[in-house]
């Protein structure tokens, strides 16, 4: 990431913008190609939907191939941790709010101190 920031600082804005836009084309192309494969009717059963299995296999092996590169593996782990924490907050905050609203008086005030613990 620091190399990209250094490149951004040394290069013209239009070239940086072009590189940013073109850098997503390979992954975007792969996603479009995978999604362009037509799926069979799900009511036919799992054994009749070979396109689904092909798409799943390509997506799975593509993911494991990326995970073998050490730099990408570190980034994937960091992204996974961030995503898990962000998703976990979707469950924790409503739960916290429900418990907080069910409490009364001093216990509600005491429960306020749980929120900083949840955030950090």
PDB file of N, CA and C in Angstrom:
ATOM      1  N   UNK A   1       0.818  -1.183   0.000  1.00  0.00           N
ATOM      2  CA  UNK A   1       0.000   0.000   0.000  1.00  0.00           C
ATOM      3  C   UNK A   1       0.868   1.255   0.000  1.00  0.00           C
ATOM      4  N   UNK A   2       1.981   1.210   0.707  1.00  0.00           N
ATOM      5  CA  UNK A   2       2.845   2.388   0.741  1.00  0.00           C
ATOM      6  C   UNK A   2       3.454   2.652  -0.631  1.00  0.00           C
ATOM      7  N   UNK A   3       3.706   1.602  -1.416  1.00  0.00           N
ATOM      8  CA  UNK A   3       4.223   1.791  -2.771  1.00  0.00           C
ATOM      9  C   UNK A   3       3.194   2.500  -3.642  1.00  0.00           C
ATOM     10  N   UNK A   4       1.932   2.187  -3.446  1.00  0.00           N
ATOM     11  CA  UNK A   4       0.872   2.841  -4.209  1.00  0.00           C
ATOM     12  C   UNK A   4       0.759   4.316  -3.827  1.00  0.00           C
ATOM     13  N   UNK A   5       0.911   4.613  -2.558  1.00  0.00           N
ATOM     14  CA  UNK A   5       0.873   6.012  -2.108  1.00  0.00           C
ATOM     15  C   UNK A   5       2.068   6.779  -2.669  1.00  0.00           C
ATOM     16  N   UNK A   6       3.230   6.145  -2.667  1.00  0.00           N
ATOM     17  CA  UNK A   6       4.419   6.782  -3.232  1.00  0.00           C
ATOM     18  C   UNK A   6       4.239   7.014  -4.733  1.00  0.00           C
ATOM     19  N   UNK A   7       3.678   6.043  -5.425  1.00  0.00           N
ATOM     20  CA  UNK A   7       3.402   6.188  -6.859  1.00  0.00           C
ATOM     21  C   UNK A   7       2.431   7.340  -7.109  1.00  0.00           C
ATOM     22  N   UNK A   8       1.418   7.431  -6.267  1.00  0.00           N
ATOM     23  CA  UNK A   8       0.424   8.500  -6.397  1.00  0.00           C
ATOM     24  C   UNK A   8       1.069   9.875  -6.239  1.00  0.00           C
ATOM     25  N   UNK A   9       2.023   9.973  -5.325  1.00  0.00           N
ATOM     26  CA  UNK A   9       2.665  11.258  -5.068  1.00  0.00           C
ATOM     27  C   UNK A   9       3.617  11.671  -6.189  1.00  0.00           C
ATOM     28  N   UNK A  10       4.192  10.697  -6.913  1.00  0.00           N
ATOM     29  CA  UNK A  10       5.182  11.002  -7.946  1.00  0.00           C
ATOM     30  C   UNK A  10       4.595  11.102  -9.352  1.00  0.00           C
ATOM     31  N   UNK A  11       3.344  10.713  -9.544  1.00  0.00           N
ATOM     32  CA  UNK A  11       2.776  10.605 -10.884  1.00  0.00           C
ATOM     33  C   UNK A  11       1.619  11.586 -11.049  1.00  0.00           C
ATOM     34  N   UNK A  12       1.317  11.888 -12.304  1.00  0.00           N
ATOM     35  CA  UNK A  12       0.226  12.829 -12.580  1.00  0.00           C
ATOM     36  C   UNK A  12      -1.113  12.233 -12.148  1.00  0.00           C
ATOM     37  N   UNK A  13      -2.041  13.132 -11.852  1.00  0.00           N
ATOM     38  CA  UNK A  13      -3.352  12.713 -11.359  1.00  0.00           C
ATOM     39  C   UNK A  13      -4.096  11.855 -12.377  1.00  0.00           C
ATOM     40  N   UNK A  14      -4.036  12.234 -13.651  1.00  0.00           N
ATOM     41  CA  UNK A  14      -4.769  11.474 -14.674  1.00  0.00           C
ATOM     42  C   UNK A  14      -4.222  10.057 -14.818  1.00  0.00           C
ATOM     43  N   UNK A  15      -2.913   9.903 -14.726  1.00  0.00           N
ATOM     44  CA  UNK A  15      -2.327   8.560 -14.828  1.00  0.00           C
ATOM     45  C   UNK A  15      -2.688   7.714 -13.605  1.00  0.00           C
ATOM     46  N   UNK A  16      -2.662   8.312 -12.439  1.00  0.00           N
ATOM     47  CA  UNK A  16      -3.043   7.594 -11.219  1.00  0.00           C
ATOM     48  C   UNK A  16      -4.500   7.166 -11.298  1.00  0.00           C
ATOM     49  N   UNK A  17      -5.361   8.045 -11.758  1.00  0.00           N
ATOM     50  CA  UNK A  17      -6.775   7.722 -11.911  1.00  0.00           C
ATOM     51  C   UNK A  17      -6.964   6.572 -12.892  1.00  0.00           C
ATOM     52  N   UNK A  18      -6.214   6.593 -13.987  1.00  0.00           N
ATOM     53  CA  UNK A  18      -6.284   5.514 -14.974  1.00  0.00           C
ATOM     54  C   UNK A  18      -5.826   4.187 -14.372  1.00  0.00           C
ATOM     55  N   UNK A  19      -4.747   4.205 -13.615  1.00  0.00           N
ATOM     56  CA  UNK A  19      -4.252   2.982 -12.974  1.00  0.00           C
ATOM     57  C   UNK A  19      -5.258   2.463 -11.959  1.00  0.00           C
ATOM     58  N   UNK A  20      -5.838   3.347 -11.166  1.00  0.00           N
ATOM     59  CA  UNK A  20      -6.855   2.927 -10.192  1.00  0.00           C
ATOM     60  C   UNK A  20      -8.046   2.267 -10.873  1.00  0.00           C
ATOM     61  N   UNK A  21      -8.511   2.876 -11.971  1.00  0.00           N
ATOM     62  CA  UNK A  21      -9.683   2.321 -12.649  1.00  0.00           C
ATOM     63  C   UNK A  21      -9.354   1.014 -13.367  1.00  0.00           C
ATOM     64  N   UNK A  22      -8.187   0.921 -13.983  1.00  0.00           N
ATOM     65  CA  UNK A  22      -7.835  -0.292 -14.723  1.00  0.00           C
ATOM     66  C   UNK A  22      -7.414  -1.444 -13.813  1.00  0.00           C
ATOM     67  N   UNK A  23      -7.018  -1.140 -12.588  1.00  0.00           N
ATOM     68  CA  UNK A  23      -6.570  -2.210 -11.692  1.00  0.00           C
ATOM     69  C   UNK A  23      -7.712  -3.119 -11.247  1.00  0.00           C
ATOM     70  N   UNK A  24      -8.941  -2.644 -11.318  1.00  0.00           N
ATOM     71  CA  UNK A  24     -10.073  -3.477 -10.911  1.00  0.00           C
ATOM     72  C   UNK A  24     -10.640  -4.300 -12.059  1.00  0.00           C
ATOM     73  N   UNK A  25     -10.195  -4.042 -13.280  1.00  0.00           N
ATOM     74  CA  UNK A  25     -10.768  -4.740 -14.430  1.00  0.00           C
ATOM     75  C   UNK A  25     -10.574  -6.258 -14.400  1.00  0.00           C
ATOM     76  N   UNK A  26      -9.397  -6.795 -14.049  1.00  0.00           N
ATOM     77  CA  UNK A  26      -9.277  -8.263 -14.031  1.00  0.00           C
ATOM     78  C   UNK A  26     -10.235  -8.937 -13.048  1.00  0.00           C
ATOM     79  N   UNK A  27     -10.332  -8.418 -11.838  1.00  0.00           N
ATOM     80  CA  UNK A  27     -11.239  -9.037 -10.872  1.00  0.00           C
ATOM     81  C   UNK A  27     -12.694  -8.813 -11.260  1.00  0.00           C
ATOM     82  N   UNK A  28     -13.006  -7.644 -11.781  1.00  0.00           N
ATOM     83  CA  UNK A  28     -14.363  -7.378 -12.243  1.00  0.00           C
ATOM     84  C   UNK A  28     -14.720  -8.293 -13.412  1.00  0.00           C
ATOM     85  N   UNK A  29     -13.763  -8.505 -14.312  1.00  0.00           N
ATOM     86  CA  UNK A  29     -13.988  -9.410 -15.438  1.00  0.00           C
ATOM     87  C   UNK A  29     -14.232 -10.837 -14.986  1.00  0.00           C
ATOM     88  N   UNK A  30     -13.462 -11.289 -13.986  1.00  0.00           N
ATOM     89  CA  UNK A  30     -13.655 -12.648 -13.466  1.00  0.00           C
ATOM     90  C   UNK A  30     -15.037 -12.803 -12.844  1.00  0.00           C
ATOM     91  N   UNK A  31     -15.470 -11.809 -12.111  1.00  0.00           N
ATOM     92  CA  UNK A  31     -16.795 -11.873 -11.482  1.00  0.00           C
ATOM     93  C   UNK A  31     -17.895 -11.886 -12.539  1.00  0.00           C
ATOM     94  N   UNK A  32     -17.749 -11.042 -13.551  1.00  0.00           N
ATOM     95  CA  UNK A  32     -18.761 -10.995 -14.613  1.00  0.00           C
ATOM     96  C   UNK A  32     -18.809 -12.319 -15.362  1.00  0.00           C
ATOM     97  N   UNK A  33     -17.635 -12.906 -15.649  1.00  0.00           N
ATOM     98  CA  UNK A  33     -17.614 -14.198 -16.346  1.00  0.00           C
ATOM     99  C   UNK A  33     -18.260 -15.297 -15.508  1.00  0.00           C
ATOM    100  N   UNK A  34     -17.982 -15.315 -14.205  1.00  0.00           N
ATOM    101  CA  UNK A  34     -18.609 -16.322 -13.342  1.00  0.00           C
ATOM    102  C   UNK A  34     -20.115 -16.133 -13.269  1.00  0.00           C
ATOM    103  N   UNK A  35     -20.547 -14.887 -13.209  1.00  0.00           N
ATOM    104  CA  UNK A  35     -21.986 -14.628 -13.118  1.00  0.00           C
ATOM    105  C   UNK A  35     -22.701 -14.782 -14.454  1.00  0.00           C
ATOM    106  N   UNK A  36     -21.948 -14.794 -15.551  1.00  0.00           N
ATOM    107  CA  UNK A  36     -22.568 -14.951 -16.865  1.00  0.00           C
ATOM    108  C   UNK A  36     -22.960 -16.402 -17.141  1.00  0.00           C
ATOM    109  N   UNK A  37     -22.397 -17.335 -16.381  1.00  0.00           N
ATOM    110  CA  UNK A  37     -22.765 -18.742 -16.566  1.00  0.00           C
ATOM    111  C   UNK A  37     -24.201 -18.946 -16.091  1.00  0.00           C
ATOM    112  N   UNK A  38     -25.073 -19.436 -16.954  1.00  0.00           N
ATOM    113  CA  UNK A  38     -26.478 -19.594 -16.558  1.00  0.00           C
ATOM    114  C   UNK A  38     -26.657 -20.753 -15.584  1.00  0.00           C
ATOM    115  N   UNK A  39     -27.529 -20.562 -14.623  1.00  0.00           N
ATOM    116  CA  UNK A  39     -27.822 -21.596 -13.633  1.00  0.00           C
ATOM    117  C   UNK A  39     -29.076 -22.358 -14.036  1.00  0.00           C
ATOM    118  N   UNK A  40     -29.136 -23.608 -13.619  1.00  0.00           N
ATOM    119  CA  UNK A  40     -30.325 -24.431 -13.851  1.00  0.00           C
ATOM    120  C   UNK A  40     -31.373 -24.109 -12.790  1.00  0.00           C
ATOM    121  N   UNK A  41     -32.557 -24.591 -13.002  1.00  0.00           N
ATOM    122  CA  UNK A  41     -33.645 -24.413 -12.046  1.00  0.00           C
ATOM    123  C   UNK A  41     -33.313 -25.167 -10.758  1.00  0.00           C
ATOM    124  N   UNK A  42     -33.311 -24.512  -9.596  1.00  0.00           N
ATOM    125  CA  UNK A  42     -32.951 -25.173  -8.340  1.00  0.00           C
ATOM    126  C   UNK A  42     -33.885 -26.320  -7.963  1.00  0.00           C
ATOM    127  N   UNK A  43     -35.102 -26.307  -8.467  1.00  0.00           N
ATOM    128  CA  UNK A  43     -36.039 -27.382  -8.115  1.00  0.00           C
ATOM    129  C   UNK A  43     -35.663 -28.709  -8.761  1.00  0.00           C
ATOM    130  N   UNK A  44     -34.741 -28.686  -9.729  1.00  0.00           N
ATOM    131  CA  UNK A  44     -34.299 -29.931 -10.365  1.00  0.00           C
ATOM    132  C   UNK A  44     -33.373 -30.738  -9.460  1.00  0.00           C
ATOM    133  N   UNK A  45     -32.834 -30.106  -8.430  1.00  0.00           N
ATOM    134  CA  UNK A  45     -31.958 -30.809  -7.492  1.00  0.00           C
ATOM    135  C   UNK A  45     -30.502 -30.435  -7.677  1.00  0.00           C
ATOM    136  N   UNK A  46     -29.699 -30.786  -6.674  1.00  0.00           N
ATOM    137  CA  UNK A  46     -28.295 -30.401  -6.677  1.00  0.00           C
ATOM    138  C   UNK A  46     -27.498 -31.126  -7.752  1.00  0.00           C
ATOM    139  N   UNK A  47     -27.888 -32.345  -8.100  1.00  0.00           N
ATOM    140  CA  UNK A  47     -27.119 -33.116  -9.074  1.00  0.00           C
ATOM    141  C   UNK A  47     -27.357 -32.663 -10.515  1.00  0.00           C
ATOM    142  N   UNK A  48     -28.392 -31.909 -10.772  1.00  0.00           N
ATOM    143  CA  UNK A  48     -28.687 -31.417 -12.125  1.00  0.00           C
ATOM    144  C   UNK A  48     -28.095 -30.027 -12.381  1.00  0.00           C
ATOM    145  N   UNK A  49     -27.573 -29.393 -11.358  1.00  0.00           N
ATOM    146  CA  UNK A  49     -27.084 -28.024 -11.481  1.00  0.00           C
ATOM    147  C   UNK A  49     -25.560 -28.007 -11.560  1.00  0.00           C
ATOM    148  N   UNK A  50     -25.022 -28.509 -12.655  1.00  0.00           N
ATOM    149  CA  UNK A  50     -23.567 -28.591 -12.813  1.00  0.00           C
ATOM    150  C   UNK A  50     -22.926 -27.211 -12.922  1.00  0.00           C
ATOM    151  N   UNK A  51     -23.641 -26.237 -13.438  1.00  0.00           N
ATOM    152  CA  UNK A  51     -23.095 -24.887 -13.548  1.00  0.00           C
ATOM    153  C   UNK A  51     -22.818 -24.298 -12.169  1.00  0.00           C
ATOM    154  N   UNK A  52     -23.683 -24.561 -11.219  1.00  0.00           N
ATOM    155  CA  UNK A  52     -23.463 -24.083  -9.854  1.00  0.00           C
ATOM    156  C   UNK A  52     -22.177 -24.672  -9.289  1.00  0.00           C
ATOM    157  N   UNK A  53     -21.965 -25.970  -9.509  1.00  0.00           N
ATOM    158  CA  UNK A  53     -20.769 -26.621  -8.982  1.00  0.00           C
ATOM    159  C   UNK A  53     -19.520 -26.104  -9.678  1.00  0.00           C
ATOM    160  N   UNK A  54     -19.615 -25.810 -10.967  1.00  0.00           N
ATOM    161  CA  UNK A  54     -18.482 -25.238 -11.691  1.00  0.00           C
ATOM    162  C   UNK A  54     -18.146 -23.852 -11.142  1.00  0.00           C
ATOM    163  N   UNK A  55     -19.156 -23.016 -10.955  1.00  0.00           N
ATOM    164  CA  UNK A  55     -18.932 -21.677 -10.402  1.00  0.00           C
ATOM    165  C   UNK A  55     -18.346 -21.750  -8.996  1.00  0.00           C
ATOM    166  N   UNK A  56     -18.862 -22.631  -8.182  1.00  0.00           N
ATOM    167  CA  UNK A  56     -18.362 -22.765  -6.809  1.00  0.00           C
ATOM    168  C   UNK A  56     -16.919 -23.237  -6.798  1.00  0.00           C
ATOM    169  N   UNK A  57     -16.593 -24.192  -7.655  1.00  0.00           N
ATOM    170  CA  UNK A  57     -15.227 -24.708  -7.731  1.00  0.00           C
ATOM    171  C   UNK A  57     -14.263 -23.625  -8.186  1.00  0.00           C
ATOM    172  N   UNK A  58     -14.629 -22.888  -9.223  1.00  0.00           N
ATOM    173  CA  UNK A  58     -13.762 -21.814  -9.706  1.00  0.00           C
ATOM    174  C   UNK A  58     -13.556 -20.742  -8.640  1.00  0.00           C
ATOM    175  N   UNK A  59     -14.607 -20.373  -7.958  1.00  0.00           N
ATOM    176  CA  UNK A  59     -14.494 -19.352  -6.913  1.00  0.00           C
ATOM    177  C   UNK A  59     -13.650 -19.850  -5.742  1.00  0.00           C
ATOM    178  N   UNK A  60     -13.817 -21.121  -5.372  1.00  0.00           N
ATOM    179  CA  UNK A  60     -13.073 -21.676  -4.240  1.00  0.00           C
ATOM    180  C   UNK A  60     -11.594 -21.796  -4.550  1.00  0.00           C
ATOM    181  N   UNK A  61     -11.259 -22.355  -5.702  1.00  0.00           N
ATOM    182  CA  UNK A  61      -9.847 -22.532  -6.024  1.00  0.00           C
ATOM    183  C   UNK A  61      -9.167 -21.212  -6.343  1.00  0.00           C
ATOM    184  N   UNK A  62      -9.910 -20.251  -6.860  1.00  0.00           N
ATOM    185  CA  UNK A  62      -9.344 -18.922  -7.061  1.00  0.00           C
ATOM    186  C   UNK A  62      -8.988 -18.273  -5.736  1.00  0.00           C
ATOM    187  N   UNK A  63      -9.847 -18.456  -4.739  1.00  0.00           N
ATOM    188  CA  UNK A  63      -9.619 -17.901  -3.403  1.00  0.00           C
ATOM    189  C   UNK A  63      -8.394 -18.543  -2.756  1.00  0.00           C
ATOM    190  N   UNK A  64      -8.279 -19.863  -2.839  1.00  0.00           N
ATOM    191  CA  UNK A  64      -7.144 -20.547  -2.207  1.00  0.00           C
ATOM    192  C   UNK A  64      -5.842 -20.217  -2.919  1.00  0.00           C
ATOM    193  N   UNK A  65      -5.904 -19.967  -4.203  1.00  0.00           N
ATOM    194  CA  UNK A  65      -4.697 -19.594  -4.936  1.00  0.00           C
ATOM    195  C   UNK A  65      -4.190 -18.232  -4.466  1.00  0.00           C
ATOM    196  N   UNK A  66      -5.112 -17.294  -4.253  1.00  0.00           N
ATOM    197  CA  UNK A  66      -4.722 -15.989  -3.730  1.00  0.00           C
ATOM    198  C   UNK A  66      -4.160 -16.108  -2.323  1.00  0.00           C
ATOM    199  N   UNK A  67      -4.725 -16.974  -1.528  1.00  0.00           N
ATOM    200  CA  UNK A  67      -4.310 -17.103  -0.131  1.00  0.00           C
ATOM    201  C   UNK A  67      -2.906 -17.672   0.006  1.00  0.00           C
ATOM    202  N   UNK A  68      -2.351 -18.231  -1.054  1.00  0.00           N
ATOM    203  CA  UNK A  68      -0.997 -18.780  -0.994  1.00  0.00           C
ATOM    204  C   UNK A  68       0.074 -17.696  -1.092  1.00  0.00           C
ATOM    205  N   UNK A  69      -0.263 -16.528  -1.591  1.00  0.00           N
ATOM    206  CA  UNK A  69       0.680 -15.417  -1.690  1.00  0.00           C
ATOM    207  C   UNK A  69       0.742 -14.739  -0.322  1.00  0.00           C
ATOM    208  N   UNK A  70       1.935 -14.670   0.312  1.00  0.00           N
ATOM    209  CA  UNK A  70       2.028 -14.156   1.686  1.00  0.00           C
ATOM    210  C   UNK A  70       1.468 -12.744   1.873  1.00  0.00           C
ATOM    211  N   UNK A  71       1.764 -11.828   0.940  1.00  0.00           N
ATOM    212  CA  UNK A  71       1.271 -10.455   1.100  1.00  0.00           C
ATOM    213  C   UNK A  71      -0.252 -10.413   1.026  1.00  0.00           C
ATOM    214  N   UNK A  72      -0.803 -11.169   0.094  1.00  0.00           N
ATOM    215  CA  UNK A  72      -2.256 -11.182  -0.063  1.00  0.00           C
ATOM    216  C   UNK A  72      -2.908 -11.905   1.106  1.00  0.00           C
ATOM    217  N   UNK A  73      -2.244 -12.950   1.605  1.00  0.00           N
ATOM    218  CA  UNK A  73      -2.801 -13.680   2.745  1.00  0.00           C
ATOM    219  C   UNK A  73      -2.929 -12.757   3.956  1.00  0.00           C
ATOM    220  N   UNK A  74      -1.929 -11.923   4.179  1.00  0.00           N
ATOM    221  CA  UNK A  74      -1.987 -10.965   5.285  1.00  0.00           C
ATOM    222  C   UNK A  74      -3.147  -9.991   5.091  1.00  0.00           C
ATOM    223  N   UNK A  75      -3.308  -9.500   3.878  1.00  0.00           N
ATOM    224  CA  UNK A  75      -4.397  -8.565   3.601  1.00  0.00           C
ATOM    225  C   UNK A  75      -5.754  -9.244   3.730  1.00  0.00           C
ATOM    226  N   UNK A  76      -5.858 -10.500   3.277  1.00  0.00           N
ATOM    227  CA  UNK A  76      -7.118 -11.234   3.400  1.00  0.00           C
ATOM    228  C   UNK A  76      -7.472 -11.475   4.863  1.00  0.00           C
ATOM    229  N   UNK A  77      -6.468 -11.788   5.670  1.00  0.00           N
ATOM    230  CA  UNK A  77      -6.702 -12.003   7.094  1.00  0.00           C
ATOM    231  C   UNK A  77      -7.167 -10.715   7.756  1.00  0.00           C
ATOM    232  N   UNK A  78      -6.518  -9.612   7.424  1.00  0.00           N
ATOM    233  CA  UNK A  78      -6.905  -8.318   7.989  1.00  0.00           C
ATOM    234  C   UNK A  78      -8.327  -7.946   7.569  1.00  0.00           C
ATOM    235  N   UNK A  79      -8.643  -8.154   6.291  1.00  0.00           N
ATOM    236  CA  UNK A  79      -9.993  -7.860   5.811  1.00  0.00           C
ATOM    237  C   UNK A  79     -11.020  -8.755   6.491  1.00  0.00           C
ATOM    238  N   UNK A  80     -10.687 -10.028   6.636  1.00  0.00           N
ATOM    239  CA  UNK A  80     -11.605 -10.970   7.277  1.00  0.00           C
ATOM    240  C   UNK A  80     -11.873 -10.569   8.723  1.00  0.00           C
ATOM    241  N   UNK A  81     -10.828 -10.177   9.441  1.00  0.00           N
ATOM    242  CA  UNK A  81     -11.006  -9.730  10.825  1.00  0.00           C
ATOM    243  C   UNK A  81     -11.883  -8.479  10.890  1.00  0.00           C
ATOM    244  N   UNK A  82     -11.620  -7.520  10.021  1.00  0.00           N
ATOM    245  CA  UNK A  82     -12.418  -6.293   9.992  1.00  0.00           C
ATOM    246  C   UNK A  82     -13.873  -6.607   9.668  1.00  0.00           C
ATOM    247  N   UNK A  83     -14.086  -7.455   8.671  1.00  0.00           N
ATOM    248  CA  UNK A  83     -15.446  -7.813   8.263  1.00  0.00           C
ATOM    249  C   UNK A  83     -16.180  -8.536   9.384  1.00  0.00           C
ATOM    250  N   UNK A  84     -15.492  -9.445  10.074  1.00  0.00           N
ATOM    251  CA  UNK A  84     -16.121 -10.179  11.174  1.00  0.00           C
ATOM    252  C   UNK A  84     -16.515  -9.249  12.315  1.00  0.00           C
ATOM    253  N   UNK A  85     -15.653  -8.299  12.644  1.00  0.00           N
ATOM    254  CA  UNK A  85     -15.970  -7.355  13.720  1.00  0.00           C
ATOM    255  C   UNK A  85     -17.146  -6.469  13.316  1.00  0.00           C
ATOM    256  N   UNK A  86     -17.129  -5.978  12.078  1.00  0.00           N
ATOM    257  CA  UNK A  86     -18.226  -5.123  11.616  1.00  0.00           C
ATOM    258  C   UNK A  86     -19.545  -5.889  11.599  1.00  0.00           C
ATOM    259  N   UNK A  87     -19.504  -7.134  11.192  1.00  0.00           N
ATOM    260  CA  UNK A  87     -20.711  -7.953  11.164  1.00  0.00           C
ATOM    261  C   UNK A  87     -21.181  -8.278  12.576  1.00  0.00           C
ATOM    262  N   UNK A  88     -20.245  -8.511  13.461  1.00  0.00           N
ATOM    263  CA  UNK A  88     -20.589  -8.831  14.838  1.00  0.00           C
ATOM    264  C   UNK A  88     -21.321  -7.659  15.503  1.00  0.00           C
ATOM    265  N   UNK A  89     -20.938  -6.438  15.135  1.00  0.00           N
ATOM    266  CA  UNK A  89     -21.599  -5.268  15.711  1.00  0.00           C
ATOM    267  C   UNK A  89     -23.062  -5.182  15.294  1.00  0.00           C
ATOM    268  N   UNK A  90     -23.405  -5.758  14.156  1.00  0.00           N
ATOM    269  CA  UNK A  90     -24.808  -5.777  13.729  1.00  0.00           C
ATOM    270  C   UNK A  90     -25.673  -6.590  14.678  1.00  0.00           C
ATOM    271  N   UNK A  91     -25.064  -7.519  15.383  1.00  0.00           N
ATOM    272  CA  UNK A  91     -25.794  -8.335  16.352  1.00  0.00           C
ATOM    273  C   UNK A  91     -25.682  -7.738  17.751  1.00  0.00           C
ATOM    274  N   UNK A  92     -24.486  -7.263  18.088  1.00  0.00           N
ATOM    275  CA  UNK A  92     -24.234  -6.811  19.460  1.00  0.00           C
ATOM    276  C   UNK A  92     -24.992  -5.526  19.799  1.00  0.00           C
ATOM    277  N   UNK A  93     -24.986  -4.527  18.910  1.00  0.00           N
ATOM    278  CA  UNK A  93     -25.648  -3.263  19.232  1.00  0.00           C
ATOM    279  C   UNK A  93     -27.153  -3.404  19.437  1.00  0.00           C
ATOM    280  N   UNK A  94     -27.878  -4.118  18.583  1.00  0.00           N
ATOM    281  CA  UNK A  94     -29.309  -4.302  18.883  1.00  0.00           C
ATOM    282  C   UNK A  94     -29.537  -5.066  20.185  1.00  0.00           C
ATOM    283  N   UNK A  95     -28.683  -6.042  20.463  1.00  0.00           N
ATOM    284  CA  UNK A  95     -28.794  -6.786  21.714  1.00  0.00           C
ATOM    285  C   UNK A  95     -28.539  -5.858  22.900  1.00  0.00           C
ATOM    286  N   UNK A  96     -27.501  -5.030  22.803  1.00  0.00           N
ATOM    287  CA  UNK A  96     -27.194  -4.067  23.857  1.00  0.00           C
ATOM    288  C   UNK A  96     -28.368  -3.111  24.060  1.00  0.00           C
ATOM    289  N   UNK A  97     -28.917  -2.614  22.968  1.00  0.00           N
ATOM    290  CA  UNK A  97     -30.039  -1.679  23.050  1.00  0.00           C
ATOM    291  C   UNK A  97     -31.254  -2.321  23.709  1.00  0.00           C
ATOM    292  N   UNK A  98     -31.519  -3.566  23.378  1.00  0.00           N
ATOM    293  CA  UNK A  98     -32.657  -4.273  23.970  1.00  0.00           C
ATOM    294  C   UNK A  98     -32.478  -4.450  25.469  1.00  0.00           C
ATOM    295  N   UNK A  99     -31.282  -4.868  25.866  1.00  0.00           N
ATOM    296  CA  UNK A  99     -31.019  -5.053  27.297  1.00  0.00           C
ATOM    297  C   UNK A  99     -31.088  -3.710  28.014  1.00  0.00           C
ATOM    298  N   UNK A 100     -30.496  -2.663  27.419  1.00  0.00           N
ATOM    299  CA  UNK A 100     -30.500  -1.337  28.031  1.00  0.00           C
ATOM    300  C   UNK A 100     -31.925  -0.828  28.246  1.00  0.00           C
ATOM    301  N   UNK A 101     -32.789  -1.001  27.263  1.00  0.00           N
ATOM    302  CA  UNK A 101     -34.164  -0.519  27.375  1.00  0.00           C
ATOM    303  C   UNK A 101     -34.994  -1.333  28.353  1.00  0.00           C
ATOM    304  N   UNK A 102     -34.596  -2.569  28.595  1.00  0.00           N
ATOM    305  CA  UNK A 102     -35.348  -3.386  29.551  1.00  0.00           C
ATOM    306  C   UNK A 102     -34.966  -3.074  30.998  1.00  0.00           C
ATOM    307  N   UNK A 103     -33.811  -2.431  31.198  1.00  0.00           N
ATOM    308  CA  UNK A 103     -33.372  -2.077  32.548  1.00  0.00           C
ATOM    309  C   UNK A 103     -33.997  -0.753  32.980  1.00  0.00           C
ATOM    310  N   UNK A 104     -33.998  -0.500  34.291  1.00  0.00           N
ATOM    311  CA  UNK A 104     -34.558   0.734  34.845  1.00  0.00           C
ATOM    312  C   UNK A 104     -33.596   1.327  35.874  1.00  0.00           C
ATOM    313  N   UNK A 105     -33.599   2.642  35.962  1.00  0.00           N
ATOM    314  CA  UNK A 105     -32.899   3.361  37.020  1.00  0.00           C
ATOM    315  C   UNK A 105     -31.398   3.160  37.052  1.00  0.00           C
ATOM    316  N   UNK A 106     -30.905   2.791  38.244  1.00  0.00           N
ATOM    317  CA  UNK A 106     -29.462   2.669  38.472  1.00  0.00           C
ATOM    318  C   UNK A 106     -28.843   1.550  37.647  1.00  0.00           C
ATOM    319  N   UNK A 107     -29.587   0.481  37.428  1.00  0.00           N
ATOM    320  CA  UNK A 107     -29.026  -0.617  36.633  1.00  0.00           C
ATOM    321  C   UNK A 107     -28.830  -0.188  35.175  1.00  0.00           C
ATOM    322  N   UNK A 108     -29.707   0.679  34.681  1.00  0.00           N
ATOM    323  CA  UNK A 108     -29.536   1.201  33.331  1.00  0.00           C
ATOM    324  C   UNK A 108     -28.291   2.090  33.270  1.00  0.00           C
ATOM    325  N   UNK A 109     -28.087   2.904  34.309  1.00  0.00           N
ATOM    326  CA  UNK A 109     -26.895   3.746  34.379  1.00  0.00           C
ATOM    327  C   UNK A 109     -25.632   2.895  34.444  1.00  0.00           C
ATOM    328  N   UNK A 110     -25.649   1.843  35.235  1.00  0.00           N
ATOM    329  CA  UNK A 110     -24.484   0.964  35.352  1.00  0.00           C
ATOM    330  C   UNK A 110     -24.198   0.255  34.026  1.00  0.00           C
ATOM    331  N   UNK A 111     -25.255  -0.075  33.298  1.00  0.00           N
ATOM    332  CA  UNK A 111     -25.086  -0.778  32.024  1.00  0.00           C
ATOM    333  C   UNK A 111     -24.463   0.126  30.958  1.00  0.00           C
ATOM    334  N   UNK A 112     -24.510   1.444  31.169  1.00  0.00           N
ATOM    335  CA  UNK A 112     -23.856   2.372  30.244  1.00  0.00           C
ATOM    336  C   UNK A 112     -22.365   2.096  30.131  1.00  0.00           C
ATOM    337  N   UNK A 113     -21.750   1.616  31.199  1.00  0.00           N
ATOM    338  CA  UNK A 113     -20.311   1.381  31.204  1.00  0.00           C
ATOM    339  C   UNK A 113     -19.913   0.130  30.424  1.00  0.00           C
ATOM    340  N   UNK A 114     -20.881  -0.642  29.995  1.00  0.00           N
ATOM    341  CA  UNK A 114     -20.595  -1.817  29.167  1.00  0.00           C
ATOM    342  C   UNK A 114     -20.309  -1.392  27.722  1.00  0.00           C
ATOM    343  N   UNK A 115     -20.913  -0.300  27.283  1.00  0.00           N
ATOM    344  CA  UNK A 115     -20.760   0.144  25.897  1.00  0.00           C
ATOM    345  C   UNK A 115     -19.302   0.418  25.507  1.00  0.00           C
ATOM    346  N   UNK A 116     -18.499   1.126  26.310  1.00  0.00           N
ATOM    347  CA  UNK A 116     -17.093   1.308  25.923  1.00  0.00           C
ATOM    348  C   UNK A 116     -16.331  -0.014  25.824  1.00  0.00           C
ATOM    349  N   UNK A 117     -16.701  -0.973  26.646  1.00  0.00           N
ATOM    350  CA  UNK A 117     -16.052  -2.288  26.574  1.00  0.00           C
ATOM    351  C   UNK A 117     -16.384  -2.959  25.245  1.00  0.00           C
ATOM    352  N   UNK A 118     -17.617  -2.821  24.805  1.00  0.00           N
ATOM    353  CA  UNK A 118     -18.032  -3.407  23.529  1.00  0.00           C
ATOM    354  C   UNK A 118     -17.309  -2.733  22.369  1.00  0.00           C
ATOM    355  N   UNK A 119     -17.165  -1.424  22.440  1.00  0.00           N
ATOM    356  CA  UNK A 119     -16.539  -0.687  21.340  1.00  0.00           C
ATOM    357  C   UNK A 119     -15.055  -1.001  21.197  1.00  0.00           C
ATOM    358  N   UNK A 120     -14.395  -1.291  22.292  1.00  0.00           N
ATOM    359  CA  UNK A 120     -12.961  -1.533  22.211  1.00  0.00           C
ATOM    360  C   UNK A 120     -12.683  -2.923  22.643  1.00  0.00           C
TER     361      UNK A 120
END
